[in-house]
Amino acid sequence: MYKIIVYVPCESVDSVKRALFESGAGKIGNYEQCCWQSEGIGQFKPGEGSDPFIGVVGKVEQIKETKLELVCTEQCIKAAIISMLVAHPYEQPAYQIIPFLTLENL
């Protein structure tokens, strides 16, 4: 089992969640489309050679973002990551994939 954590601009949360859910992520037992989301402020400075979705090269940006957290099985992790990256508007999204144990996979 894996936990996917990704930071998404608030206006794109629904499309990124939909892509992750359609790939099979967010299932816990008999429940589907499970996730945790919280809002915060993301900061970044696009560097030379970047093509930012938001902001200008060389200028620090701060925007409202949503942190999405959801689980994913080993069987669908690759599809989930690819789907997330395709749906995400950022050129280089910030995300983490964390393996963890559950009672079912001990």
PDB file of N, CA and C in Angstrom:
ATOM      1  N   MET A   1       0.849  -1.176   0.000  1.00  0.00           N
ATOM      2  CA  MET A   1       0.000   0.000   0.000  1.00  0.00           C
ATOM      3  C   MET A   1       0.890   1.233   0.000  1.00  0.00           C
ATOM      4  N   TYR A   2       0.398   2.294  -0.630  1.00  0.00           N
ATOM      5  CA  TYR A   2       1.127   3.548  -0.730  1.00  0.00           C
ATOM      6  C   TYR A   2       0.225   4.707  -0.338  1.00  0.00           C
ATOM      7  N   LYS A   3       0.856   5.774   0.120  1.00  0.00           N
ATOM      8  CA  LYS A   3       0.152   7.041   0.313  1.00  0.00           C
ATOM      9  C   LYS A   3       0.679   8.000  -0.746  1.00  0.00           C
ATOM     10  N   ILE A   4      -0.228   8.627  -1.462  1.00  0.00           N
ATOM     11  CA  ILE A   4       0.111   9.657  -2.444  1.00  0.00           C
ATOM     12  C   ILE A   4      -0.210  10.999  -1.810  1.00  0.00           C
ATOM     13  N   ILE A   5       0.754  11.905  -1.852  1.00  0.00           N
ATOM     14  CA  ILE A   5       0.560  13.271  -1.375  1.00  0.00           C
ATOM     15  C   ILE A   5       0.921  14.192  -2.535  1.00  0.00           C
ATOM     16  N   VAL A   6       0.020  15.100  -2.873  1.00  0.00           N
ATOM     17  CA  VAL A   6       0.285  16.014  -3.983  1.00  0.00           C
ATOM     18  C   VAL A   6      -0.307  17.386  -3.662  1.00  0.00           C
ATOM     19  N   TYR A   7       0.384  18.432  -4.085  1.00  0.00           N
ATOM     20  CA  TYR A   7      -0.035  19.818  -3.890  1.00  0.00           C
ATOM     21  C   TYR A   7      -0.587  20.340  -5.204  1.00  0.00           C
ATOM     22  N   VAL A   8      -1.815  20.874  -5.151  1.00  0.00           N
ATOM     23  CA  VAL A   8      -2.549  21.237  -6.363  1.00  0.00           C
ATOM     24  C   VAL A   8      -3.125  22.638  -6.204  1.00  0.00           C
ATOM     25  N   PRO A   9      -3.060  23.493  -7.248  1.00  0.00           N
ATOM     26  CA  PRO A   9      -3.748  24.773  -7.141  1.00  0.00           C
ATOM     27  C   PRO A   9      -5.240  24.515  -6.907  1.00  0.00           C
ATOM     28  N   CYS A  10      -5.854  25.301  -6.047  1.00  0.00           N
ATOM     29  CA  CYS A  10      -7.223  25.040  -5.593  1.00  0.00           C
ATOM     30  C   CYS A  10      -8.215  24.844  -6.742  1.00  0.00           C
ATOM     31  N   GLU A  11      -8.070  25.594  -7.814  1.00  0.00           N
ATOM     32  CA  GLU A  11      -9.027  25.492  -8.914  1.00  0.00           C
ATOM     33  C   GLU A  11      -8.902  24.186  -9.713  1.00  0.00           C
ATOM     34  N   SER A  12      -7.838  23.415  -9.478  1.00  0.00           N
ATOM     35  CA  SER A  12      -7.623  22.166 -10.218  1.00  0.00           C
ATOM     36  C   SER A  12      -7.821  20.915  -9.368  1.00  0.00           C
ATOM     37  N   VAL A  13      -8.237  21.082  -8.127  1.00  0.00           N
ATOM     38  CA  VAL A  13      -8.354  19.945  -7.200  1.00  0.00           C
ATOM     39  C   VAL A  13      -9.310  18.876  -7.724  1.00  0.00           C
ATOM     40  N   ASP A  14     -10.479  19.262  -8.183  1.00  0.00           N
ATOM     41  CA  ASP A  14     -11.466  18.268  -8.612  1.00  0.00           C
ATOM     42  C   ASP A  14     -10.970  17.437  -9.793  1.00  0.00           C
ATOM     43  N   SER A  15     -10.311  18.056 -10.757  1.00  0.00           N
ATOM     44  CA  SER A  15      -9.841  17.292 -11.921  1.00  0.00           C
ATOM     45  C   SER A  15      -8.693  16.352 -11.546  1.00  0.00           C
ATOM     46  N   VAL A  16      -7.821  16.761 -10.638  1.00  0.00           N
ATOM     47  CA  VAL A  16      -6.723  15.883 -10.207  1.00  0.00           C
ATOM     48  C   VAL A  16      -7.278  14.732  -9.367  1.00  0.00           C
ATOM     49  N   LYS A  17      -8.210  15.026  -8.463  1.00  0.00           N
ATOM     50  CA  LYS A  17      -8.846  13.955  -7.683  1.00  0.00           C
ATOM     51  C   LYS A  17      -9.541  12.952  -8.604  1.00  0.00           C
ATOM     52  N   ARG A  18     -10.285  13.440  -9.560  1.00  0.00           N
ATOM     53  CA  ARG A  18     -11.007  12.566 -10.490  1.00  0.00           C
ATOM     54  C   ARG A  18     -10.038  11.636 -11.223  1.00  0.00           C
ATOM     55  N   ALA A  19      -8.919  12.180 -11.685  1.00  0.00           N
ATOM     56  CA  ALA A  19      -7.928  11.360 -12.384  1.00  0.00           C
ATOM     57  C   ALA A  19      -7.358  10.281 -11.467  1.00  0.00           C
ATOM     58  N   LEU A  20      -7.056  10.647 -10.235  1.00  0.00           N
ATOM     59  CA  LEU A  20      -6.525   9.671  -9.276  1.00  0.00           C
ATOM     60  C   LEU A  20      -7.564   8.597  -8.964  1.00  0.00           C
ATOM     61  N   PHE A  21      -8.796   8.991  -8.713  1.00  0.00           N
ATOM     62  CA  PHE A  21      -9.847   8.027  -8.401  1.00  0.00           C
ATOM     63  C   PHE A  21     -10.110   7.091  -9.582  1.00  0.00           C
ATOM     64  N   GLU A  22     -10.144   7.640 -10.796  1.00  0.00           N
ATOM     65  CA  GLU A  22     -10.387   6.812 -11.985  1.00  0.00           C
ATOM     66  C   GLU A  22      -9.267   5.809 -12.231  1.00  0.00           C
ATOM     67  N   SER A  23      -8.066   6.109 -11.727  1.00  0.00           N
ATOM     68  CA  SER A  23      -6.932   5.185 -11.894  1.00  0.00           C
ATOM     69  C   SER A  23      -6.945   4.080 -10.842  1.00  0.00           C
ATOM     70  N   GLY A  24      -7.837   4.178  -9.853  1.00  0.00           N
ATOM     71  CA  GLY A  24      -7.936   3.153  -8.819  1.00  0.00           C
ATOM     72  C   GLY A  24      -7.454   3.589  -7.449  1.00  0.00           C
ATOM     73  N   ALA A  25      -6.938   4.790  -7.323  1.00  0.00           N
ATOM     74  CA  ALA A  25      -6.464   5.277  -6.027  1.00  0.00           C
ATOM     75  C   ALA A  25      -7.665   5.695  -5.166  1.00  0.00           C
ATOM     76  N   GLY A  26      -7.445   5.774  -3.860  1.00  0.00           N
ATOM     77  CA  GLY A  26      -8.469   6.252  -2.943  1.00  0.00           C
ATOM     78  C   GLY A  26      -9.448   5.197  -2.465  1.00  0.00           C
ATOM     79  N   LYS A  27      -9.074   3.920  -2.558  1.00  0.00           N
ATOM     80  CA  LYS A  27      -9.954   2.844  -2.105  1.00  0.00           C
ATOM     81  C   LYS A  27      -9.455   2.307  -0.766  1.00  0.00           C
ATOM     82  N   ILE A  28     -10.367   2.252   0.196  1.00  0.00           N
ATOM     83  CA  ILE A  28     -10.063   1.696   1.514  1.00  0.00           C
ATOM     84  C   ILE A  28     -11.177   0.709   1.834  1.00  0.00           C
ATOM     85  N   GLY A  29     -10.860  -0.571   1.801  1.00  0.00           N
ATOM     86  CA  GLY A  29     -11.880  -1.592   2.034  1.00  0.00           C
ATOM     87  C   GLY A  29     -12.994  -1.477   1.015  1.00  0.00           C
ATOM     88  N   ASN A  30     -14.225  -1.349   1.489  1.00  0.00           N
ATOM     89  CA  ASN A  30     -15.381  -1.222   0.606  1.00  0.00           C
ATOM     90  C   ASN A  30     -15.737   0.229   0.283  1.00  0.00           C
ATOM     91  N   TYR A  31     -14.827   1.143   0.570  1.00  0.00           N
ATOM     92  CA  TYR A  31     -15.061   2.568   0.331  1.00  0.00           C
ATOM     93  C   TYR A  31     -14.203   3.036  -0.841  1.00  0.00           C
ATOM     94  N   GLU A  32     -14.745   3.946  -1.630  1.00  0.00           N
ATOM     95  CA  GLU A  32     -14.032   4.507  -2.781  1.00  0.00           C
ATOM     96  C   GLU A  32     -13.968   6.024  -2.659  1.00  0.00           C
ATOM     97  N   GLN A  33     -13.087   6.624  -3.444  1.00  0.00           N
ATOM     98  CA  GLN A  33     -12.921   8.075  -3.516  1.00  0.00           C
ATOM     99  C   GLN A  33     -12.618   8.675  -2.146  1.00  0.00           C
ATOM    100  N   CYS A  34     -11.791   7.974  -1.369  1.00  0.00           N
ATOM    101  CA  CYS A  34     -11.371   8.440  -0.049  1.00  0.00           C
ATOM    102  C   CYS A  34     -10.130   9.309  -0.187  1.00  0.00           C
ATOM    103  N   CYS A  35     -10.120  10.451   0.459  1.00  0.00           N
ATOM    104  CA  CYS A  35      -8.932  11.300   0.476  1.00  0.00           C
ATOM    105  C   CYS A  35      -9.021  12.282   1.624  1.00  0.00           C
ATOM    106  N   TRP A  36      -7.917  12.910   1.901  1.00  0.00           N
ATOM    107  CA  TRP A  36      -7.839  14.001   2.868  1.00  0.00           C
ATOM    108  C   TRP A  36      -7.357  15.197   2.089  1.00  0.00           C
ATOM    109  N   GLN A  37      -7.921  16.354   2.343  1.00  0.00           N
ATOM    110  CA  GLN A  37      -7.427  17.562   1.689  1.00  0.00           C
ATOM    111  C   GLN A  37      -7.417  18.719   2.665  1.00  0.00           C
ATOM    112  N   SER A  38      -6.395  19.530   2.552  1.00  0.00           N
ATOM    113  CA  SER A  38      -6.259  20.712   3.398  1.00  0.00           C
ATOM    114  C   SER A  38      -5.642  21.822   2.567  1.00  0.00           C
ATOM    115  N   GLU A  39      -6.040  23.048   2.853  1.00  0.00           N
ATOM    116  CA  GLU A  39      -5.534  24.188   2.093  1.00  0.00           C
ATOM    117  C   GLU A  39      -4.386  24.860   2.808  1.00  0.00           C
ATOM    118  N   GLY A  40      -3.510  25.430   2.025  1.00  0.00           N
ATOM    119  CA  GLY A  40      -2.379  26.169   2.551  1.00  0.00           C
ATOM    120  C   GLY A  40      -1.814  27.071   1.468  1.00  0.00           C
ATOM    121  N   ILE A  41      -0.667  27.628   1.736  1.00  0.00           N
ATOM    122  CA  ILE A  41      -0.005  28.523   0.782  1.00  0.00           C
ATOM    123  C   ILE A  41       1.250  27.835   0.256  1.00  0.00           C
ATOM    124  N   GLY A  42       1.326  27.699  -1.056  1.00  0.00           N
ATOM    125  CA  GLY A  42       2.516  27.151  -1.705  1.00  0.00           C
ATOM    126  C   GLY A  42       3.384  28.286  -2.209  1.00  0.00           C
ATOM    127  N   GLN A  43       4.685  28.071  -2.175  1.00  0.00           N
ATOM    128  CA  GLN A  43       5.621  29.086  -2.662  1.00  0.00           C
ATOM    129  C   GLN A  43       6.598  28.451  -3.632  1.00  0.00           C
ATOM    130  N   PHE A  44       6.939  29.174  -4.685  1.00  0.00           N
ATOM    131  CA  PHE A  44       7.913  28.709  -5.662  1.00  0.00           C
ATOM    132  C   PHE A  44       8.437  29.904  -6.457  1.00  0.00           C
ATOM    133  N   LYS A  45       9.579  29.702  -7.067  1.00  0.00           N
ATOM    134  CA  LYS A  45      10.182  30.709  -7.934  1.00  0.00           C
ATOM    135  C   LYS A  45      10.593  30.007  -9.224  1.00  0.00           C
ATOM    136  N   PRO A  46       9.874  30.247 -10.323  1.00  0.00           N
ATOM    137  CA  PRO A  46      10.222  29.610 -11.588  1.00  0.00           C
ATOM    138  C   PRO A  46      11.635  30.017 -12.037  1.00  0.00           C
ATOM    139  N   GLY A  47      12.426  29.029 -12.400  1.00  0.00           N
ATOM    140  CA  GLY A  47      13.797  29.289 -12.833  1.00  0.00           C
ATOM    141  C   GLY A  47      13.915  29.411 -14.346  1.00  0.00           C
ATOM    142  N   GLU A  48      15.096  29.788 -14.787  1.00  0.00           N
ATOM    143  CA  GLU A  48      15.370  29.890 -16.228  1.00  0.00           C
ATOM    144  C   GLU A  48      15.068  28.564 -16.906  1.00  0.00           C
ATOM    145  N   GLY A  49      14.411  28.623 -18.048  1.00  0.00           N
ATOM    146  CA  GLY A  49      14.069  27.422 -18.797  1.00  0.00           C
ATOM    147  C   GLY A  49      12.742  26.808 -18.380  1.00  0.00           C
ATOM    148  N   SER A  50      12.126  27.339 -17.320  1.00  0.00           N
ATOM    149  CA  SER A  50      10.825  26.803 -16.896  1.00  0.00           C
ATOM    150  C   SER A  50       9.710  27.440 -17.714  1.00  0.00           C
ATOM    151  N   ASP A  51       8.566  26.779 -17.708  1.00  0.00           N
ATOM    152  CA  ASP A  51       7.373  27.277 -18.379  1.00  0.00           C
ATOM    153  C   ASP A  51       6.235  27.229 -17.366  1.00  0.00           C
ATOM    154  N   PRO A  52       6.203  28.184 -16.419  1.00  0.00           N
ATOM    155  CA  PRO A  52       5.257  28.093 -15.307  1.00  0.00           C
ATOM    156  C   PRO A  52       3.801  28.259 -15.725  1.00  0.00           C
ATOM    157  N   PHE A  53       2.941  27.429 -15.118  1.00  0.00           N
ATOM    158  CA  PHE A  53       1.491  27.531 -15.294  1.00  0.00           C
ATOM    159  C   PHE A  53       0.994  28.813 -14.626  1.00  0.00           C
ATOM    160  N   ILE A  54       1.585  29.122 -13.476  1.00  0.00           N
ATOM    161  CA  ILE A  54       1.284  30.328 -12.715  1.00  0.00           C
ATOM    162  C   ILE A  54       2.604  31.024 -12.427  1.00  0.00           C
ATOM    163  N   GLY A  55       2.644  32.329 -12.549  1.00  0.00           N
ATOM    164  CA  GLY A  55       3.841  33.065 -12.182  1.00  0.00           C
ATOM    165  C   GLY A  55       4.724  33.417 -13.360  1.00  0.00           C
ATOM    166  N   VAL A  56       5.852  34.037 -13.023  1.00  0.00           N
ATOM    167  CA  VAL A  56       6.792  34.559 -14.002  1.00  0.00           C
ATOM    168  C   VAL A  56       8.198  34.076 -13.623  1.00  0.00           C
ATOM    169  N   VAL A  57       8.974  33.716 -14.622  1.00  0.00           N
ATOM    170  CA  VAL A  57      10.347  33.277 -14.382  1.00  0.00           C
ATOM    171  C   VAL A  57      11.092  34.337 -13.576  1.00  0.00           C
ATOM    172  N   GLY A  58      11.762  33.889 -12.511  1.00  0.00           N
ATOM    173  CA  GLY A  58      12.571  34.771 -11.689  1.00  0.00           C
ATOM    174  C   GLY A  58      11.836  35.496 -10.575  1.00  0.00           C
ATOM    175  N   LYS A  59      10.524  35.312 -10.463  1.00  0.00           N
ATOM    176  CA  LYS A  59       9.743  36.014  -9.435  1.00  0.00           C
ATOM    177  C   LYS A  59       9.107  34.995  -8.482  1.00  0.00           C
ATOM    178  N   VAL A  60       9.268  35.221  -7.173  1.00  0.00           N
ATOM    179  CA  VAL A  60       8.678  34.340  -6.163  1.00  0.00           C
ATOM    180  C   VAL A  60       7.156  34.495  -6.198  1.00  0.00           C
ATOM    181  N   GLU A  61       6.467  33.359  -6.189  1.00  0.00           N
ATOM    182  CA  GLU A  61       5.008  33.337  -6.182  1.00  0.00           C
ATOM    183  C   GLU A  61       4.526  32.631  -4.917  1.00  0.00           C
ATOM    184  N   GLN A  62       3.431  33.082  -4.383  1.00  0.00           N
ATOM    185  CA  GLN A  62       2.729  32.410  -3.301  1.00  0.00           C
ATOM    186  C   GLN A  62       1.268  32.304  -3.710  1.00  0.00           C
ATOM    187  N   ILE A  63       0.739  31.071  -3.712  1.00  0.00           N
ATOM    188  CA  ILE A  63      -0.658  30.866  -4.111  1.00  0.00           C
ATOM    189  C   ILE A  63      -1.335  29.871  -3.174  1.00  0.00           C
ATOM    190  N   LYS A  64      -2.654  29.949  -3.137  1.00  0.00           N
ATOM    191  CA  LYS A  64      -3.424  28.968  -2.373  1.00  0.00           C
ATOM    192  C   LYS A  64      -3.361  27.630  -3.097  1.00  0.00           C
ATOM    193  N   GLU A  65      -2.990  26.602  -2.352  1.00  0.00           N
ATOM    194  CA  GLU A  65      -2.946  25.260  -2.891  1.00  0.00           C
ATOM    195  C   GLU A  65      -3.667  24.315  -1.942  1.00  0.00           C
ATOM    196  N   THR A  66      -4.053  23.179  -2.472  1.00  0.00           N
ATOM    197  CA  THR A  66      -4.655  22.126  -1.673  1.00  0.00           C
ATOM    198  C   THR A  66      -3.705  20.947  -1.636  1.00  0.00           C
ATOM    199  N   LYS A  67      -3.486  20.430  -0.439  1.00  0.00           N
ATOM    200  CA  LYS A  67      -2.688  19.220  -0.257  1.00  0.00           C
ATOM    201  C   LYS A  67      -3.660  18.046  -0.257  1.00  0.00           C
ATOM    202  N   LEU A  68      -3.511  17.156  -1.233  1.00  0.00           N
ATOM    203  CA  LEU A  68      -4.327  15.953  -1.313  1.00  0.00           C
ATOM    204  C   LEU A  68      -3.526  14.774  -0.785  1.00  0.00           C
ATOM    205  N   GLU A  69      -4.154  13.941   0.015  1.00  0.00           N
ATOM    206  CA  GLU A  69      -3.538  12.710   0.502  1.00  0.00           C
ATOM    207  C   GLU A  69      -4.526  11.578   0.276  1.00  0.00           C
ATOM    208  N   LEU A  70      -4.061  10.494  -0.331  1.00  0.00           N
ATOM    209  CA  LEU A  70      -4.911   9.339  -0.537  1.00  0.00           C
ATOM    210  C   LEU A  70      -4.070   8.082  -0.651  1.00  0.00           C
ATOM    211  N   VAL A  71      -4.701   6.946  -0.440  1.00  0.00           N
ATOM    212  CA  VAL A  71      -3.986   5.677  -0.500  1.00  0.00           C
ATOM    213  C   VAL A  71      -4.129   5.056  -1.878  1.00  0.00           C
ATOM    214  N   CYS A  72      -3.223   4.118  -2.150  1.00  0.00           N
ATOM    215  CA  CYS A  72      -3.226   3.447  -3.439  1.00  0.00           C
ATOM    216  C   CYS A  72      -2.548   2.085  -3.277  1.00  0.00           C
ATOM    217  N   THR A  73      -3.087   1.083  -3.928  1.00  0.00           N
ATOM    218  CA  THR A  73      -2.479  -0.240  -3.869  1.00  0.00           C
ATOM    219  C   THR A  73      -1.285  -0.313  -4.816  1.00  0.00           C
ATOM    220  N   GLU A  74      -0.477  -1.326  -4.615  1.00  0.00           N
ATOM    221  CA  GLU A  74       0.682  -1.542  -5.488  1.00  0.00           C
ATOM    222  C   GLU A  74       0.245  -1.786  -6.928  1.00  0.00           C
ATOM    223  N   GLN A  75      -0.911  -2.420  -7.108  1.00  0.00           N
ATOM    224  CA  GLN A  75      -1.395  -2.745  -8.446  1.00  0.00           C
ATOM    225  C   GLN A  75      -1.706  -1.507  -9.285  1.00  0.00           C
ATOM    226  N   CYS A  76      -2.080  -0.412  -8.644  1.00  0.00           N
ATOM    227  CA  CYS A  76      -2.476   0.763  -9.446  1.00  0.00           C
ATOM    228  C   CYS A  76      -1.583   1.982  -9.222  1.00  0.00           C
ATOM    229  N   ILE A  77      -0.482   1.855  -8.474  1.00  0.00           N
ATOM    230  CA  ILE A  77       0.329   3.036  -8.155  1.00  0.00           C
ATOM    231  C   ILE A  77       0.911   3.704  -9.402  1.00  0.00           C
ATOM    232  N   LYS A  78       1.415   2.924 -10.336  1.00  0.00           N
ATOM    233  CA  LYS A  78       2.011   3.525 -11.541  1.00  0.00           C
ATOM    234  C   LYS A  78       0.956   4.272 -12.353  1.00  0.00           C
ATOM    235  N   ALA A  79      -0.203   3.649 -12.547  1.00  0.00           N
ATOM    236  CA  ALA A  79      -1.293   4.303 -13.292  1.00  0.00           C
ATOM    237  C   ALA A  79      -1.758   5.560 -12.573  1.00  0.00           C
ATOM    238  N   ALA A  80      -1.804   5.510 -11.240  1.00  0.00           N
ATOM    239  CA  ALA A  80      -2.242   6.672 -10.458  1.00  0.00           C
ATOM    240  C   ALA A  80      -1.278   7.839 -10.631  1.00  0.00           C
ATOM    241  N   ILE A  81       0.014   7.569 -10.567  1.00  0.00           N
ATOM    242  CA  ILE A  81       1.015   8.636 -10.715  1.00  0.00           C
ATOM    243  C   ILE A  81       0.936   9.244 -12.111  1.00  0.00           C
ATOM    244  N   ILE A  82       0.858   8.399 -13.114  1.00  0.00           N
ATOM    245  CA  ILE A  82       0.773   8.904 -14.497  1.00  0.00           C
ATOM    246  C   ILE A  82      -0.492   9.738 -14.676  1.00  0.00           C
ATOM    247  N   SER A  83      -1.625   9.246 -14.188  1.00  0.00           N
ATOM    248  CA  SER A  83      -2.887   9.989 -14.308  1.00  0.00           C
ATOM    249  C   SER A  83      -2.816  11.331 -13.590  1.00  0.00           C
ATOM    250  N   MET A  84      -2.209  11.322 -12.403  1.00  0.00           N
ATOM    251  CA  MET A  84      -2.067  12.561 -11.633  1.00  0.00           C
ATOM    252  C   MET A  84      -1.227  13.580 -12.404  1.00  0.00           C
ATOM    253  N   LEU A  85      -0.111  13.120 -12.960  1.00  0.00           N
ATOM    254  CA  LEU A  85       0.779  14.028 -13.678  1.00  0.00           C
ATOM    255  C   LEU A  85       0.124  14.595 -14.938  1.00  0.00           C
ATOM    256  N   VAL A  86      -0.666  13.785 -15.621  1.00  0.00           N
ATOM    257  CA  VAL A  86      -1.367  14.254 -16.826  1.00  0.00           C
ATOM    258  C   VAL A  86      -2.433  15.287 -16.452  1.00  0.00           C
ATOM    259  N   ALA A  87      -3.161  15.055 -15.358  1.00  0.00           N
ATOM    260  CA  ALA A  87      -4.245  15.961 -14.955  1.00  0.00           C
ATOM    261  C   ALA A  87      -3.753  17.227 -14.266  1.00  0.00           C
ATOM    262  N   HIS A  88      -2.565  17.181 -13.692  1.00  0.00           N
ATOM    263  CA  HIS A  88      -2.039  18.307 -12.909  1.00  0.00           C
ATOM    264  C   HIS A  88      -1.606  19.434 -13.840  1.00  0.00           C
ATOM    265  N   PRO A  89      -1.967  20.678 -13.540  1.00  0.00           N
ATOM    266  CA  PRO A  89      -1.611  21.782 -14.438  1.00  0.00           C
ATOM    267  C   PRO A  89      -0.146  22.220 -14.363  1.00  0.00           C
ATOM    268  N   TYR A  90       0.549  21.912 -13.264  1.00  0.00           N
ATOM    269  CA  TYR A  90       1.925  22.383 -13.113  1.00  0.00           C
ATOM    270  C   TYR A  90       2.889  21.619 -14.017  1.00  0.00           C
ATOM    271  N   GLU A  91       3.884  22.329 -14.475  1.00  0.00           N
ATOM    272  CA  GLU A  91       4.963  21.722 -15.269  1.00  0.00           C
ATOM    273  C   GLU A  91       5.700  20.672 -14.433  1.00  0.00           C
ATOM    274  N   GLN A  92       5.935  20.968 -13.156  1.00  0.00           N
ATOM    275  CA  GLN A  92       6.634  20.061 -12.241  1.00  0.00           C
ATOM    276  C   GLN A  92       5.902  20.025 -10.904  1.00  0.00           C
ATOM    277  N   PRO A  93       4.869  19.171 -10.775  1.00  0.00           N
ATOM    278  CA  PRO A  93       4.127  19.121  -9.513  1.00  0.00           C
ATOM    279  C   PRO A  93       4.989  18.587  -8.364  1.00  0.00           C
ATOM    280  N   ALA A  94       4.710  19.082  -7.174  1.00  0.00           N
ATOM    281  CA  ALA A  94       5.348  18.560  -5.960  1.00  0.00           C
ATOM    282  C   ALA A  94       4.475  17.426  -5.433  1.00  0.00           C
ATOM    283  N   TYR A  95       5.058  16.240  -5.331  1.00  0.00           N
ATOM    284  CA  TYR A  95       4.307  15.100  -4.814  1.00  0.00           C
ATOM    285  C   TYR A  95       5.246  14.117  -4.132  1.00  0.00           C
ATOM    286  N   GLN A  96       4.658  13.263  -3.301  1.00  0.00           N
ATOM    287  CA  GLN A  96       5.402  12.220  -2.594  1.00  0.00           C
ATOM    288  C   GLN A  96       4.631  10.910  -2.704  1.00  0.00           C
ATOM    289  N   ILE A  97       5.364   9.816  -2.775  1.00  0.00           N
ATOM    290  CA  ILE A  97       4.785   8.482  -2.730  1.00  0.00           C
ATOM    291  C   ILE A  97       5.448   7.776  -1.557  1.00  0.00           C
ATOM    292  N   ILE A  98       4.647   7.369  -0.574  1.00  0.00           N
ATOM    293  CA  ILE A  98       5.193   6.785   0.645  1.00  0.00           C
ATOM    294  C   ILE A  98       4.637   5.371   0.827  1.00  0.00           C
ATOM    295  N   PRO A  99       5.511   4.350   0.826  1.00  0.00           N
ATOM    296  CA  PRO A  99       5.009   2.994   1.100  1.00  0.00           C
ATOM    297  C   PRO A  99       4.710   2.835   2.588  1.00  0.00           C
ATOM    298  N   PHE A 100       3.656   2.078   2.907  1.00  0.00           N
ATOM    299  CA  PHE A 100       3.352   1.812   4.310  1.00  0.00           C
ATOM    300  C   PHE A 100       2.636   0.474   4.441  1.00  0.00           C
ATOM    301  N   LEU A 101       2.645  -0.051   5.643  1.00  0.00           N
ATOM    302  CA  LEU A 101       2.002  -1.334   5.929  1.00  0.00           C
ATOM    303  C   LEU A 101       0.626  -1.129   6.521  1.00  0.00           C
ATOM    304  N   THR A 102      -0.265  -2.010   6.163  1.00  0.00           N
ATOM    305  CA  THR A 102      -1.573  -2.102   6.800  1.00  0.00           C
ATOM    306  C   THR A 102      -1.712  -3.519   7.321  1.00  0.00           C
ATOM    307  N   LEU A 103      -2.703  -3.793   8.083  1.00  0.00           N
ATOM    308  CA  LEU A 103      -2.926  -5.128   8.583  1.00  0.00           C
ATOM    309  C   LEU A 103      -3.054  -6.132   7.433  1.00  0.00           C
ATOM    310  N   GLU A 104      -3.677  -5.704   6.338  1.00  0.00           N
ATOM    311  CA  GLU A 104      -3.880  -6.576   5.187  1.00  0.00           C
ATOM    312  C   GLU A 104      -2.583  -6.950   4.475  1.00  0.00           C
ATOM    313  N   ASN A 105      -1.570  -6.091   4.520  1.00  0.00           N
ATOM    314  CA  ASN A 105      -0.338  -6.416   3.782  1.00  0.00           C
ATOM    315  C   ASN A 105       0.851  -6.709   4.699  1.00  0.00           C
ATOM    316  N   LEU A 106       0.594  -7.094   5.941  1.00  0.00           N
ATOM    317  CA  LEU A 106       1.675  -7.535   6.846  1.00  0.00           C
ATOM    318  C   LEU A 106       2.105  -8.944   6.527  1.00  0.00           C
TER     319      LEU A 106
END
